[in-house]
Amino acid sequence: MARKDRAAGALRASVTMDDIARLAKVSKPTVSRAFQNSPLVKPQTRQRILEIARQQGYAVNQNASKLRAKRTNSIAVVMHLPAQAPVGAGAPFMFQLLGDVSQGLWIRGQDVLLCAPVSDDVYAYQDLLLSKRADGIIFLGQGAGDGWLRDLGRTDVPFVVWGGVRDAPAYCTVGSDNQRGGVLAGRRFESLGRRDILFLGNTSHLEMRQRRDGLAQGLGEAGSDARIEDLELADFTFETALDAMGRRLARGERMDAIFAGSDTIAMAAITALRAAGLRTPQDVSVIGYNDMPLAAHFEPPLTTIRQDTRHAGTLLVEKLFQLIDGGRPVSTKLPTELIVRAT
């Protein structure tokens, strides 16, 4: 029995792509395309070829396939986040977006190379591609200042960015209409009669600055005489926002509305208000940004600005592959929506 098993194993090891093509009654190029999940092969044909390959014990040499295609079939994803406090997850929205980007890459049969933003050095990202570790880069976030991304845009590195979309972008960006989101928040506060509004975020980040500018625009369009003050945060963690709000409230500085740059920041603000004996929304109205899943289940349920991460993930992947294939995709702003709940 052992001898027969060894013989069968030797036979299966000798099976070639030509053998698979003969058994499936198709050409060798069709077999190759089926293994690469090419749209040129009908689904039923591909399924039959893969089944025959499994029966014959044939395994595709993925490394050889990548070398022949001159691609790694890997995409680098860089989560360009601000420095985080040592405790707590400061950017759950980014991890939600990462999941949607990963899903889009999986559908295309791509591997994900998750990279830390160790440097804003253009050459480091050029080397990432020259060393054949990835075919392109998706940046989740622009960081505080995007001069290095504009420099990278002048190279031949294919990359796309999730972040704030400029009027004349120097690189391909997908992002929500942050200005519009701020306008919606401003109009909502005016309808509630709020006059002392705090913007809680960090305007050195383009997305945050656009949201703050939209807040002022929305109030102005509504004819409001409300004043806006800013509380700049070093990072976007719950702990940092909670501490900053707690210190502000301890000084007796009051407000009747807060527009937070993210849902995490908004939840921290509500927690600090509660600790100071203030009620939401009776004393202070609060609007967040992102509409992360927890927002609807927070107590009280959070009013927020919704972004569509699933659509964003799909667009980031599609635009990157347009670049890789020699195209020139345009930047895209995704619509934002005010989700009114209890705050």
Protein backbone atom coordinates (compact mmCIF):
# COMPACT_ATOMS: atom_id res chain seq x y z
CA MET A 1 0.00 0.00 0.00
CA ALA A 2 2.80 2.42 0.88
CA ARG A 3 4.50 1.65 -2.45
CA LYS A 4 1.29 2.42 -4.33
CA ASP A 5 0.88 5.71 -2.44
CA ARG A 6 4.44 6.73 -3.30
CA ALA A 7 3.86 5.87 -6.93
CA ALA A 8 0.64 7.89 -7.01
CA GLY A 9 2.41 10.82 -5.39
CA ALA A 10 5.21 10.70 -7.95
CA LEU A 11 2.66 10.60 -10.80
CA ARG A 12 0.78 13.63 -9.43
CA ALA A 13 4.01 15.56 -8.92
CA SER A 14 4.79 15.11 -12.62
CA VAL A 15 1.47 16.58 -13.82
CA THR A 16 2.02 19.69 -15.97
CA MET A 17 -0.16 22.52 -17.24
CA ASP A 18 -0.19 20.75 -20.62
CA ASP A 19 -1.76 17.73 -18.93
CA ILE A 20 -4.44 19.88 -17.31
CA ALA A 21 -5.20 21.50 -20.68
CA ARG A 22 -5.52 18.09 -22.37
CA LEU A 23 -7.83 16.68 -19.68
CA ALA A 24 -9.98 19.84 -19.69
CA LYS A 25 -10.00 19.94 -23.52
CA VAL A 26 -8.87 23.56 -23.60
CA SER A 27 -5.69 25.38 -24.62
CA LYS A 28 -2.73 25.88 -22.29
CA PRO A 29 -3.23 29.71 -22.29
CA THR A 30 -6.83 29.14 -21.16
CA VAL A 31 -5.57 27.04 -18.24
CA SER A 32 -3.08 29.78 -17.33
CA ARG A 33 -5.80 32.44 -17.45
CA ALA A 34 -8.09 30.29 -15.30
CA PHE A 35 -5.41 30.03 -12.62
CA GLN A 36 -5.05 33.84 -12.70
CA ASN A 37 -8.83 34.32 -12.36
CA SER A 38 -8.95 36.15 -15.71
CA PRO A 39 -12.35 37.53 -16.81
CA LEU A 40 -11.55 36.13 -20.27
CA VAL A 41 -12.37 32.63 -18.99
CA LYS A 42 -16.02 31.71 -18.43
CA PRO A 43 -16.80 30.89 -14.78
CA GLN A 44 -17.96 27.34 -15.57
CA THR A 45 -14.81 26.69 -17.62
CA ARG A 46 -12.59 28.01 -14.84
CA GLN A 47 -14.40 25.86 -12.28
CA ARG A 48 -13.91 22.74 -14.43
CA ILE A 49 -10.19 23.46 -14.90
CA LEU A 50 -9.65 24.06 -11.18
CA GLU A 51 -11.51 20.85 -10.30
CA ILE A 52 -9.35 18.82 -12.69
CA ALA A 53 -6.22 20.45 -11.26
CA ARG A 54 -7.30 19.51 -7.73
CA GLN A 55 -8.03 15.93 -8.78
CA GLN A 56 -4.58 15.64 -10.36
CA GLY A 57 -2.83 17.21 -7.39
CA TYR A 58 -1.56 20.10 -9.52
CA ALA A 59 -0.43 23.19 -7.59
CA VAL A 60 0.24 26.55 -9.23
CA ASN A 61 3.70 27.97 -8.64
CA GLN A 62 2.58 31.42 -7.55
CA ASN A 63 6.10 32.85 -7.39
CA ALA A 64 6.81 31.79 -10.96
CA SER A 65 3.49 33.29 -12.07
CA LYS A 66 4.35 36.60 -10.45
CA LEU A 67 7.76 36.68 -12.12
CA ARG A 68 6.24 35.99 -15.52
CA ALA A 69 3.68 38.73 -15.02
CA LYS A 70 6.36 41.14 -13.70
CA ARG A 71 4.03 41.94 -10.81
CA THR A 72 4.07 40.97 -7.18
CA ASN A 73 0.26 40.80 -6.87
CA SER A 74 0.74 42.63 -3.57
CA ILE A 75 -0.47 46.10 -2.64
CA ALA A 76 1.06 48.07 0.22
CA VAL A 77 -1.45 49.73 2.57
CA VAL A 78 -0.03 52.47 4.77
CA MET A 79 -2.16 53.63 7.70
CA HIS A 80 -0.86 57.15 8.02
CA LEU A 81 -2.20 58.05 11.44
CA PRO A 82 -1.14 60.77 13.88
CA ALA A 83 0.98 59.71 16.81
CA GLN A 84 -1.21 57.69 19.13
CA ALA A 85 -1.36 57.59 22.90
CA PRO A 86 0.00 54.33 24.33
CA VAL A 87 -3.45 53.11 25.34
CA GLY A 88 -6.65 52.68 23.36
CA ALA A 89 -7.39 52.43 19.67
CA GLY A 90 -7.52 55.97 18.40
CA ALA A 91 -8.82 55.46 14.88
CA PRO A 92 -11.50 52.77 14.62
CA PHE A 93 -12.76 54.40 11.40
CA MET A 94 -9.40 53.71 9.76
CA PHE A 95 -9.57 50.06 10.70
CA GLN A 96 -13.08 49.89 9.27
CA LEU A 97 -11.78 51.45 6.04
CA LEU A 98 -8.82 49.04 6.05
CA GLY A 99 -11.27 46.13 6.13
CA ASP A 100 -13.15 47.47 3.11
CA VAL A 101 -9.91 48.09 1.17
CA SER A 102 -8.70 44.58 2.01
CA GLN A 103 -11.97 43.14 0.75
CA GLY A 104 -11.56 45.00 -2.54
CA LEU A 105 -8.02 43.70 -2.93
CA TRP A 106 -9.06 40.14 -2.06
CA ILE A 107 -11.67 40.21 -4.82
CA ARG A 108 -8.86 41.10 -7.24
CA GLY A 109 -6.68 38.27 -5.94
CA GLN A 110 -4.15 40.65 -4.38
CA ASP A 111 -2.15 40.24 -1.19
CA VAL A 112 -2.08 43.07 1.36
CA LEU A 113 1.26 44.31 2.65
CA LEU A 114 0.37 46.37 5.73
CA CYS A 115 3.05 48.99 6.39
CA ALA A 116 3.66 51.41 9.21
CA PRO A 117 4.36 55.02 8.15
CA VAL A 118 7.94 54.91 9.42
CA SER A 119 8.90 57.86 7.28
CA ASP A 120 7.52 60.62 5.08
CA ASP A 121 10.54 60.02 2.87
CA VAL A 122 9.61 59.75 -0.81
CA TYR A 123 12.58 57.50 -1.50
CA ALA A 124 11.42 54.96 1.09
CA TYR A 125 8.18 54.47 -0.84
CA GLN A 126 9.98 54.34 -4.18
CA ASP A 127 12.20 51.62 -2.75
CA LEU A 128 9.10 49.68 -1.68
CA LEU A 129 8.22 49.20 -5.34
CA LEU A 130 11.76 48.95 -6.72
CA SER A 131 12.47 46.09 -4.32
CA LYS A 132 9.43 44.24 -5.77
CA ARG A 133 7.56 44.09 -2.47
CA ALA A 134 4.44 45.73 -3.90
CA ASP A 135 2.93 46.97 -7.16
CA GLY A 136 1.34 50.10 -5.70
CA ILE A 137 0.44 51.88 -2.46
CA ILE A 138 -2.82 52.89 -0.79
CA PHE A 139 -2.37 55.53 1.92
CA LEU A 140 -5.11 55.69 4.55
CA GLY A 141 -4.74 59.26 5.80
CA GLN A 142 -2.48 62.15 4.77
CA GLY A 143 -0.98 63.01 8.11
CA ALA A 144 -0.42 66.56 9.31
CA GLY A 145 0.69 68.22 6.09
CA ASP A 146 0.91 66.46 2.74
CA GLY A 147 3.96 68.06 1.11
CA TRP A 148 5.68 64.68 0.96
CA LEU A 149 2.67 63.21 -0.86
CA ARG A 150 2.83 66.01 -3.44
CA ASP A 151 6.52 65.17 -3.91
CA LEU A 152 5.65 61.48 -4.30
CA GLY A 153 3.05 62.48 -6.90
CA ARG A 154 5.88 63.78 -9.09
CA THR A 155 7.45 60.30 -9.24
CA ASP A 156 6.31 57.22 -11.15
CA VAL A 157 5.07 55.47 -7.98
CA PRO A 158 1.41 54.43 -8.42
CA PHE A 159 -0.47 55.41 -5.27
CA VAL A 160 -3.84 56.68 -4.10
CA VAL A 161 -4.83 58.36 -0.86
CA TRP A 162 -7.82 58.41 1.44
CA GLY A 163 -8.07 61.93 2.79
CA GLY A 164 -9.12 65.50 2.09
CA VAL A 165 -9.67 66.24 -1.59
CA ARG A 166 -8.20 69.56 -2.75
CA ASP A 167 -9.66 71.68 -5.55
CA ALA A 168 -6.50 71.09 -7.62
CA PRO A 169 -5.14 67.77 -6.29
CA ALA A 170 -1.51 66.89 -6.96
CA TYR A 171 -2.26 63.18 -6.54
CA CYS A 172 -5.30 60.91 -6.75
CA THR A 173 -7.42 61.20 -3.62
CA VAL A 174 -10.66 59.59 -2.50
CA GLY A 175 -12.38 61.24 0.44
CA SER A 176 -15.69 62.31 1.83
CA ASP A 177 -17.03 65.81 1.18
CA ASN A 178 -15.70 67.10 4.49
CA GLN A 179 -16.74 70.68 3.79
CA ARG A 180 -20.30 69.56 3.14
CA GLY A 181 -20.27 67.52 6.35
CA GLY A 182 -19.30 70.63 8.30
CA VAL A 183 -22.01 72.67 6.58
CA LEU A 184 -24.62 70.11 7.65
CA ALA A 185 -23.39 70.33 11.26
CA GLY A 186 -23.51 74.14 11.20
CA ARG A 187 -27.06 74.20 9.87
CA ARG A 188 -28.14 71.68 12.51
CA PHE A 189 -26.70 73.77 15.36
CA GLU A 190 -28.39 76.90 14.02
CA SER A 191 -31.74 75.11 13.87
CA LEU A 192 -31.25 74.20 17.54
CA GLY A 193 -30.41 77.78 18.47
CA ARG A 194 -26.84 77.03 19.58
CA ARG A 195 -24.51 80.02 19.90
CA ASP A 196 -21.29 78.91 21.64
CA ILE A 197 -19.78 76.13 19.52
CA LEU A 198 -16.55 74.24 20.12
CA PHE A 199 -14.71 72.52 17.28
CA LEU A 200 -12.81 69.58 18.71
CA GLY A 201 -10.05 68.21 16.45
CA ASN A 202 -6.77 69.19 14.83
CA THR A 203 -6.91 71.53 11.84
CA SER A 204 -3.33 70.75 10.77
CA HIS A 205 -4.96 67.70 9.16
CA LEU A 206 -6.63 68.67 5.87
CA GLU A 207 -9.79 66.63 6.50
CA MET A 208 -10.29 68.26 9.91
CA ARG A 209 -9.67 71.73 8.51
CA GLN A 210 -12.25 71.17 5.79
CA ARG A 211 -14.80 70.04 8.40
CA ARG A 212 -14.13 73.11 10.54
CA ASP A 213 -14.38 75.44 7.51
CA GLY A 214 -17.67 73.79 6.57
CA LEU A 215 -19.01 74.38 10.08
CA ALA A 216 -18.34 78.12 9.74
CA GLN A 217 -19.85 78.12 6.24
CA GLY A 218 -23.02 76.35 7.40
CA LEU A 219 -23.53 78.79 10.26
CA GLY A 220 -22.92 81.73 7.95
CA GLU A 221 -25.37 80.47 5.35
CA ALA A 222 -27.98 80.14 8.07
CA GLY A 223 -27.40 83.75 9.18
CA SER A 224 -26.16 82.65 12.59
CA ASP A 225 -24.30 84.96 14.95
CA ALA A 226 -22.78 81.95 16.77
CA ARG A 227 -19.11 82.01 17.69
CA ILE A 228 -16.72 79.09 17.14
CA GLU A 229 -13.80 78.23 19.38
CA ASP A 230 -11.20 75.55 18.69
CA LEU A 231 -9.70 72.93 20.96
CA GLU A 232 -6.73 71.38 19.16
CA LEU A 233 -5.91 67.77 20.03
CA ALA A 234 -2.47 66.19 19.83
CA ASP A 235 -4.02 62.98 18.52
CA PHE A 236 -7.47 61.51 17.95
CA THR A 237 -7.65 58.96 20.77
CA PHE A 238 -10.52 58.77 23.25
CA GLU A 239 -8.07 59.32 26.13
CA THR A 240 -6.56 62.49 24.67
CA ALA A 241 -9.96 64.02 23.88
CA LEU A 242 -11.34 63.08 27.31
CA ASP A 243 -8.37 64.69 29.08
CA ALA A 244 -8.49 67.87 26.97
CA MET A 245 -12.24 68.29 27.50
CA GLY A 246 -11.95 67.58 31.22
CA ARG A 247 -9.31 70.29 31.66
CA ARG A 248 -11.35 72.80 29.65
CA LEU A 249 -14.49 72.15 31.67
CA ALA A 250 -12.52 72.35 34.94
CA ARG A 251 -11.56 75.92 33.99
CA GLY A 252 -15.26 76.76 33.80
CA GLU A 253 -15.22 77.27 30.04
CA ARG A 254 -18.70 76.46 28.80
CA MET A 255 -20.25 75.81 25.41
CA ASP A 256 -23.68 74.78 24.18
CA ALA A 257 -22.55 72.75 21.15
CA ILE A 258 -19.59 70.61 20.09
CA PHE A 259 -18.66 69.53 16.56
CA ALA A 260 -16.11 66.74 16.95
CA GLY A 261 -13.72 65.71 14.20
CA SER A 262 -14.56 62.02 14.72
CA ASP A 263 -17.06 59.83 16.55
CA THR A 264 -14.36 58.69 18.99
CA ILE A 265 -13.67 62.32 19.92
CA ALA A 266 -17.40 63.04 20.23
CA MET A 267 -17.90 60.10 22.61
CA ALA A 268 -15.01 61.29 24.75
CA ALA A 269 -16.53 64.78 24.85
CA ILE A 270 -19.91 63.42 25.99
CA THR A 271 -18.18 61.37 28.69
CA ALA A 272 -16.36 64.48 29.95
CA LEU A 273 -19.58 66.52 29.90
CA ARG A 274 -21.36 63.85 31.92
CA ALA A 275 -18.53 63.82 34.49
CA ALA A 276 -18.91 67.61 34.80
CA GLY A 277 -22.65 67.29 35.45
CA LEU A 278 -23.73 68.51 31.99
CA ARG A 279 -26.40 66.74 29.93
CA THR A 280 -26.36 65.91 26.24
CA PRO A 281 -28.22 67.31 24.37
CA GLN A 282 -30.13 69.40 26.92
CA ASP A 283 -27.08 71.45 27.97
CA VAL A 284 -24.67 70.75 25.11
CA SER A 285 -25.51 69.37 21.66
CA VAL A 286 -22.84 67.13 20.12
CA ILE A 287 -22.25 66.03 16.52
CA GLY A 288 -19.56 63.52 15.58
CA TYR A 289 -18.11 62.44 12.26
CA ASN A 290 -17.82 59.01 10.51
CA ASP A 291 -20.93 57.15 11.77
CA MET A 292 -18.91 54.20 13.01
CA PRO A 293 -21.05 51.20 14.06
CA LEU A 294 -20.77 52.01 17.78
CA ALA A 295 -22.29 55.49 17.26
CA ALA A 296 -25.85 54.16 17.07
CA HIS A 297 -25.40 52.14 20.29
CA PHE A 298 -23.60 54.74 22.39
CA GLU A 299 -25.58 56.30 25.25
CA PRO A 300 -27.06 58.60 24.16
CA PRO A 301 -27.02 57.49 20.49
CA LEU A 302 -24.70 59.84 18.64
CA THR A 303 -25.76 62.33 15.99
CA THR A 304 -23.02 62.25 13.37
CA ILE A 305 -21.90 62.75 9.77
CA ARG A 306 -21.88 59.51 7.78
CA GLN A 307 -19.09 58.41 5.43
CA ASP A 308 -19.39 55.39 3.12
CA THR A 309 -16.31 53.25 3.77
CA ARG A 310 -17.44 50.37 1.55
CA HIS A 311 -17.69 52.60 -1.50
CA ALA A 312 -14.46 54.31 -0.51
CA GLY A 313 -12.59 50.99 -0.28
CA THR A 314 -13.81 49.95 -3.73
CA LEU A 315 -12.84 53.28 -5.30
CA LEU A 316 -9.36 53.30 -3.75
CA VAL A 317 -8.62 49.86 -5.18
CA GLU A 318 -10.08 50.59 -8.62
CA LYS A 319 -8.26 53.91 -8.99
CA LEU A 320 -4.95 52.38 -7.92
CA PHE A 321 -5.22 49.69 -10.59
CA GLN A 322 -6.08 52.33 -13.17
CA LEU A 323 -2.77 53.98 -12.27
CA ILE A 324 -0.87 50.69 -12.35
CA ASP A 325 -2.28 50.02 -15.82
CA GLY A 326 -1.19 53.44 -17.09
CA GLY A 327 -4.43 55.38 -16.58
CA ARG A 328 -4.97 58.79 -15.01
CA PRO A 329 -7.86 58.49 -12.54
CA VAL A 330 -9.40 61.63 -11.10
CA SER A 331 -9.91 62.38 -7.43
CA THR A 332 -13.37 61.73 -6.02
CA LYS A 333 -15.43 63.26 -3.22
CA LEU A 334 -18.01 60.96 -1.67
CA PRO A 335 -21.30 62.42 -0.37
CA THR A 336 -21.80 62.97 3.34
CA GLU A 337 -25.06 62.71 5.26
CA LEU A 338 -26.25 64.04 8.62
CA ILE A 339 -27.55 61.18 10.78
CA VAL A 340 -29.73 62.69 13.50
CA ARG A 341 -29.97 60.63 16.68
CA ALA A 342 -30.18 61.78 20.28
CA THR A 343 -27.23 64.14 20.86
